[in-house]
Amino acid sequence: MASLLLKLREQNKQLTLVWGLLLALTLFSAAFAEQGASGALLVVFVCISFAVKGSLVTERLMGLYTAIGNARWLMLAYFVVLPILIGGAILFPDLVVRVTTL
């Protein structure tokens, strides 16, 4: 019984730490946006923030780090591939036009 309580207490500490990190990233993002930042630096920061926050939620809050099968890898790939595609499209629009023009 005591070992179970210790395990639950440790898990609670980890979840609180992850929640605090997510909150800090969100507050930093809001402060960054309030400063009027724009351009490539903002795009890169938003994409990195999205990837980090998504992987934290997937791994720790959803508990997929223990999942068997492809669910974990699909979710993690989503939070890596999507920001790369969106950031690339915003930072290099001419390249996207060239690649997608018939």
N, C-alpha and C. Protein backbone atom coordinates (compact mmCIF):
# COMPACT_ATOMS: atom_id res chain seq x y z
N MET A 1 0.82 -1.19 0.00
CA MET A 1 0.00 0.00 0.00
C MET A 1 0.87 1.27 0.00
N ALA A 2 1.91 1.24 0.82
CA ALA A 2 2.79 2.41 0.91
C ALA A 2 3.54 2.63 -0.40
N SER A 3 3.95 1.54 -1.06
CA SER A 3 4.66 1.69 -2.33
C SER A 3 3.74 2.24 -3.41
N LEU A 4 2.46 1.88 -3.36
CA LEU A 4 1.50 2.41 -4.32
C LEU A 4 1.32 3.91 -4.11
N LEU A 5 1.24 4.33 -2.85
CA LEU A 5 1.11 5.75 -2.56
C LEU A 5 2.33 6.53 -3.02
N LEU A 6 3.51 5.96 -2.82
CA LEU A 6 4.74 6.61 -3.28
C LEU A 6 4.76 6.73 -4.80
N LYS A 7 4.31 5.67 -5.47
CA LYS A 7 4.27 5.68 -6.93
C LYS A 7 3.29 6.74 -7.43
N LEU A 8 2.11 6.81 -6.82
CA LEU A 8 1.12 7.82 -7.21
C LEU A 8 1.62 9.23 -6.94
N ARG A 9 2.31 9.41 -5.84
CA ARG A 9 2.86 10.73 -5.51
C ARG A 9 3.92 11.15 -6.54
N GLU A 10 4.75 10.20 -6.96
CA GLU A 10 5.78 10.48 -7.97
C GLU A 10 5.13 10.83 -9.31
N GLN A 11 4.10 10.08 -9.69
CA GLN A 11 3.39 10.37 -10.94
C GLN A 11 2.74 11.75 -10.87
N ASN A 12 2.19 12.10 -9.71
CA ASN A 12 1.57 13.40 -9.54
C ASN A 12 2.61 14.51 -9.70
N LYS A 13 3.80 14.31 -9.16
CA LYS A 13 4.88 15.30 -9.31
C LYS A 13 5.26 15.47 -10.78
N GLN A 14 5.36 14.35 -11.50
CA GLN A 14 5.72 14.41 -12.92
C GLN A 14 4.64 15.14 -13.72
N LEU A 15 3.37 14.83 -13.45
CA LEU A 15 2.29 15.50 -14.17
C LEU A 15 2.25 16.98 -13.86
N THR A 16 2.50 17.34 -12.61
CA THR A 16 2.53 18.75 -12.23
C THR A 16 3.68 19.47 -12.94
N LEU A 17 4.82 18.82 -13.04
CA LEU A 17 5.96 19.40 -13.74
C LEU A 17 5.64 19.61 -15.23
N VAL A 18 5.03 18.62 -15.86
CA VAL A 18 4.65 18.74 -17.27
C VAL A 18 3.63 19.86 -17.44
N TRP A 19 2.64 19.91 -16.56
CA TRP A 19 1.63 20.96 -16.64
C TRP A 19 2.29 22.34 -16.50
N GLY A 20 3.22 22.47 -15.56
CA GLY A 20 3.92 23.74 -15.38
C GLY A 20 4.73 24.12 -16.61
N LEU A 21 5.37 23.14 -17.23
CA LEU A 21 6.13 23.41 -18.45
C LEU A 21 5.22 23.85 -19.59
N LEU A 22 4.07 23.20 -19.72
CA LEU A 22 3.09 23.60 -20.74
C LEU A 22 2.60 25.02 -20.48
N LEU A 23 2.33 25.33 -19.24
CA LEU A 23 1.88 26.67 -18.87
C LEU A 23 2.97 27.71 -19.17
N ALA A 24 4.21 27.39 -18.83
CA ALA A 24 5.32 28.31 -19.09
C ALA A 24 5.50 28.55 -20.59
N LEU A 25 5.42 27.50 -21.39
CA LEU A 25 5.52 27.66 -22.84
C LEU A 25 4.40 28.54 -23.38
N THR A 26 3.20 28.34 -22.87
CA THR A 26 2.06 29.14 -23.31
C THR A 26 2.23 30.60 -22.92
N LEU A 27 2.65 30.86 -21.69
CA LEU A 27 2.87 32.23 -21.24
C LEU A 27 4.00 32.90 -22.02
N PHE A 28 5.07 32.17 -22.28
CA PHE A 28 6.17 32.72 -23.05
C PHE A 28 5.72 33.03 -24.48
N SER A 29 4.89 32.16 -25.05
CA SER A 29 4.36 32.40 -26.40
C SER A 29 3.50 33.66 -26.42
N ALA A 30 2.66 33.82 -25.41
CA ALA A 30 1.81 35.01 -25.34
C ALA A 30 2.64 36.27 -25.18
N ALA A 31 3.66 36.23 -24.33
CA ALA A 31 4.53 37.39 -24.14
C ALA A 31 5.30 37.71 -25.42
N PHE A 32 5.75 36.68 -26.11
CA PHE A 32 6.47 36.84 -27.37
C PHE A 32 5.58 37.51 -28.41
N ALA A 33 4.32 37.08 -28.48
CA ALA A 33 3.38 37.66 -29.44
C ALA A 33 3.03 39.10 -29.08
N GLU A 34 2.93 39.39 -27.79
CA GLU A 34 2.59 40.74 -27.34
C GLU A 34 3.70 41.75 -27.66
N GLN A 35 4.92 41.29 -27.81
CA GLN A 35 6.03 42.17 -28.14
C GLN A 35 5.98 42.63 -29.59
N GLY A 36 5.07 42.06 -30.35
CA GLY A 36 4.94 42.45 -31.75
C GLY A 36 5.93 41.75 -32.66
N ALA A 37 6.43 40.63 -32.23
CA ALA A 37 7.37 39.88 -33.06
C ALA A 37 6.67 39.37 -34.31
N SER A 38 7.40 39.34 -35.38
CA SER A 38 6.83 38.81 -36.62
C SER A 38 7.97 38.23 -37.45
N GLY A 39 7.60 37.61 -38.53
CA GLY A 39 8.60 37.09 -39.43
C GLY A 39 9.04 35.68 -39.11
N ALA A 40 10.23 35.36 -39.59
CA ALA A 40 10.74 34.00 -39.50
C ALA A 40 10.95 33.55 -38.06
N LEU A 41 11.40 34.44 -37.20
CA LEU A 41 11.64 34.06 -35.81
C LEU A 41 10.35 33.61 -35.13
N LEU A 42 9.27 34.33 -35.38
CA LEU A 42 7.98 33.97 -34.80
C LEU A 42 7.50 32.63 -35.33
N VAL A 43 7.63 32.42 -36.63
CA VAL A 43 7.19 31.15 -37.23
C VAL A 43 7.96 29.98 -36.64
N VAL A 44 9.26 30.12 -36.54
CA VAL A 44 10.09 29.05 -35.98
C VAL A 44 9.72 28.79 -34.52
N PHE A 45 9.54 29.85 -33.75
CA PHE A 45 9.18 29.68 -32.35
C PHE A 45 7.83 29.00 -32.19
N VAL A 46 6.85 29.41 -32.97
CA VAL A 46 5.51 28.80 -32.88
C VAL A 46 5.57 27.33 -33.26
N CYS A 47 6.31 27.01 -34.31
CA CYS A 47 6.42 25.60 -34.74
C CYS A 47 7.12 24.74 -33.69
N ILE A 48 8.18 25.26 -33.11
CA ILE A 48 8.88 24.50 -32.06
C ILE A 48 8.00 24.35 -30.83
N SER A 49 7.32 25.43 -30.45
CA SER A 49 6.43 25.38 -29.30
C SER A 49 5.31 24.36 -29.52
N PHE A 50 4.74 24.35 -30.72
CA PHE A 50 3.68 23.40 -31.06
C PHE A 50 4.18 21.96 -30.95
N ALA A 51 5.37 21.71 -31.47
CA ALA A 51 5.93 20.36 -31.44
C ALA A 51 6.23 19.91 -30.01
N VAL A 52 6.82 20.78 -29.21
CA VAL A 52 7.16 20.43 -27.83
C VAL A 52 5.90 20.20 -27.01
N LYS A 53 4.95 21.13 -27.12
CA LYS A 53 3.72 20.99 -26.35
C LYS A 53 2.93 19.76 -26.78
N GLY A 54 2.87 19.51 -28.06
CA GLY A 54 2.16 18.33 -28.55
C GLY A 54 2.78 17.04 -28.08
N SER A 55 4.11 16.98 -28.11
CA SER A 55 4.77 15.75 -27.66
C SER A 55 4.62 15.56 -26.15
N LEU A 56 4.66 16.65 -25.38
CA LEU A 56 4.44 16.53 -23.94
C LEU A 56 3.03 16.02 -23.62
N VAL A 57 2.05 16.58 -24.30
CA VAL A 57 0.67 16.13 -24.07
C VAL A 57 0.52 14.67 -24.47
N THR A 58 1.06 14.31 -25.63
CA THR A 58 0.95 12.93 -26.12
C THR A 58 1.65 11.95 -25.20
N GLU A 59 2.87 12.24 -24.84
CA GLU A 59 3.67 11.31 -24.06
C GLU A 59 3.23 11.24 -22.60
N ARG A 60 3.06 12.37 -21.98
CA ARG A 60 2.87 12.40 -20.52
C ARG A 60 1.41 12.50 -20.10
N LEU A 61 0.66 13.44 -20.66
CA LEU A 61 -0.71 13.62 -20.19
C LEU A 61 -1.65 12.56 -20.74
N MET A 62 -1.45 12.15 -21.99
CA MET A 62 -2.27 11.08 -22.56
C MET A 62 -1.72 9.71 -22.19
N GLY A 63 -0.48 9.64 -21.77
CA GLY A 63 0.12 8.39 -21.36
C GLY A 63 0.48 7.45 -22.49
N LEU A 64 0.69 7.99 -23.69
CA LEU A 64 1.01 7.13 -24.82
C LEU A 64 2.45 6.62 -24.82
N TYR A 65 3.26 7.06 -23.88
CA TYR A 65 4.64 6.54 -23.83
C TYR A 65 4.65 5.06 -23.49
N THR A 66 3.55 4.55 -22.95
CA THR A 66 3.46 3.11 -22.66
C THR A 66 2.62 2.37 -23.69
N ALA A 67 2.13 3.07 -24.70
CA ALA A 67 1.24 2.44 -25.68
C ALA A 67 1.99 1.46 -26.57
N ILE A 68 1.31 0.38 -26.87
CA ILE A 68 1.86 -0.63 -27.77
C ILE A 68 1.26 -0.38 -29.14
N GLY A 69 2.09 -0.44 -30.16
CA GLY A 69 1.57 -0.26 -31.50
C GLY A 69 1.92 1.09 -32.08
N ASN A 70 1.14 1.47 -33.07
CA ASN A 70 1.47 2.66 -33.85
C ASN A 70 0.82 3.94 -33.35
N ALA A 71 -0.07 3.88 -32.38
CA ALA A 71 -0.77 5.08 -31.93
C ALA A 71 0.20 6.15 -31.46
N ARG A 72 1.17 5.75 -30.66
CA ARG A 72 2.15 6.71 -30.14
C ARG A 72 2.94 7.35 -31.26
N TRP A 73 3.43 6.54 -32.19
CA TRP A 73 4.28 7.06 -33.26
C TRP A 73 3.50 7.93 -34.23
N LEU A 74 2.23 7.60 -34.47
CA LEU A 74 1.40 8.44 -35.33
C LEU A 74 1.18 9.81 -34.71
N MET A 75 0.89 9.84 -33.42
CA MET A 75 0.67 11.12 -32.74
C MET A 75 1.96 11.95 -32.70
N LEU A 76 3.07 11.31 -32.39
CA LEU A 76 4.34 12.05 -32.35
C LEU A 76 4.73 12.56 -33.73
N ALA A 77 4.50 11.74 -34.75
CA ALA A 77 4.80 12.17 -36.12
C ALA A 77 3.95 13.37 -36.51
N TYR A 78 2.69 13.37 -36.09
CA TYR A 78 1.80 14.50 -36.37
C TYR A 78 2.38 15.80 -35.82
N PHE A 79 2.90 15.75 -34.60
CA PHE A 79 3.42 16.95 -33.96
C PHE A 79 4.82 17.33 -34.43
N VAL A 80 5.43 16.51 -35.25
CA VAL A 80 6.72 16.85 -35.85
C VAL A 80 6.54 17.26 -37.30
N VAL A 81 5.78 16.47 -38.05
CA VAL A 81 5.62 16.72 -39.49
C VAL A 81 4.78 17.97 -39.75
N LEU A 82 3.69 18.14 -39.03
CA LEU A 82 2.81 19.28 -39.29
C LEU A 82 3.51 20.63 -39.11
N PRO A 83 4.23 20.88 -38.01
CA PRO A 83 4.91 22.17 -37.91
C PRO A 83 5.99 22.37 -38.98
N ILE A 84 6.64 21.29 -39.40
CA ILE A 84 7.64 21.42 -40.46
C ILE A 84 6.96 21.84 -41.76
N LEU A 85 5.84 21.22 -42.08
CA LEU A 85 5.12 21.58 -43.31
C LEU A 85 4.57 23.00 -43.25
N ILE A 86 3.95 23.36 -42.14
CA ILE A 86 3.37 24.71 -42.02
C ILE A 86 4.48 25.76 -42.01
N GLY A 87 5.52 25.53 -41.21
CA GLY A 87 6.63 26.48 -41.16
C GLY A 87 7.32 26.62 -42.50
N GLY A 88 7.52 25.50 -43.19
CA GLY A 88 8.13 25.55 -44.52
C GLY A 88 7.28 26.31 -45.51
N ALA A 89 5.96 26.13 -45.45
CA ALA A 89 5.07 26.84 -46.37
C ALA A 89 5.06 28.34 -46.10
N ILE A 90 5.17 28.72 -44.83
CA ILE A 90 5.16 30.15 -44.50
C ILE A 90 6.52 30.79 -44.80
N LEU A 91 7.60 30.08 -44.50
CA LEU A 91 8.93 30.66 -44.69
C LEU A 91 9.40 30.62 -46.14
N PHE A 92 8.93 29.63 -46.89
CA PHE A 92 9.38 29.46 -48.28
C PHE A 92 8.19 29.33 -49.24
N PRO A 93 7.37 30.38 -49.36
CA PRO A 93 6.18 30.28 -50.22
C PRO A 93 6.51 30.09 -51.70
N ASP A 94 7.60 30.67 -52.17
CA ASP A 94 7.97 30.51 -53.58
C ASP A 94 8.30 29.06 -53.91
N LEU A 95 8.95 28.39 -53.00
CA LEU A 95 9.27 26.98 -53.20
C LEU A 95 7.99 26.14 -53.26
N VAL A 96 7.04 26.46 -52.40
CA VAL A 96 5.76 25.73 -52.41
C VAL A 96 5.04 25.95 -53.73
N VAL A 97 5.07 27.17 -54.24
CA VAL A 97 4.42 27.46 -55.52
C VAL A 97 5.10 26.67 -56.64
N ARG A 98 6.42 26.66 -56.65
CA ARG A 98 7.14 25.91 -57.69
C ARG A 98 6.86 24.41 -57.62
N VAL A 99 6.81 23.88 -56.44
CA VAL A 99 6.60 22.44 -56.27
C VAL A 99 5.18 22.03 -56.63
N THR A 100 4.22 22.90 -56.36
CA THR A 100 2.81 22.52 -56.56
C THR A 100 2.23 23.00 -57.88
N THR A 101 2.99 23.73 -58.68
CA THR A 101 2.49 24.21 -59.97
C THR A 101 2.65 23.12 -61.01
N LEU A 102 1.59 22.93 -61.79
CA LEU A 102 1.63 21.90 -62.84
C LEU A 102 2.43 22.36 -64.03
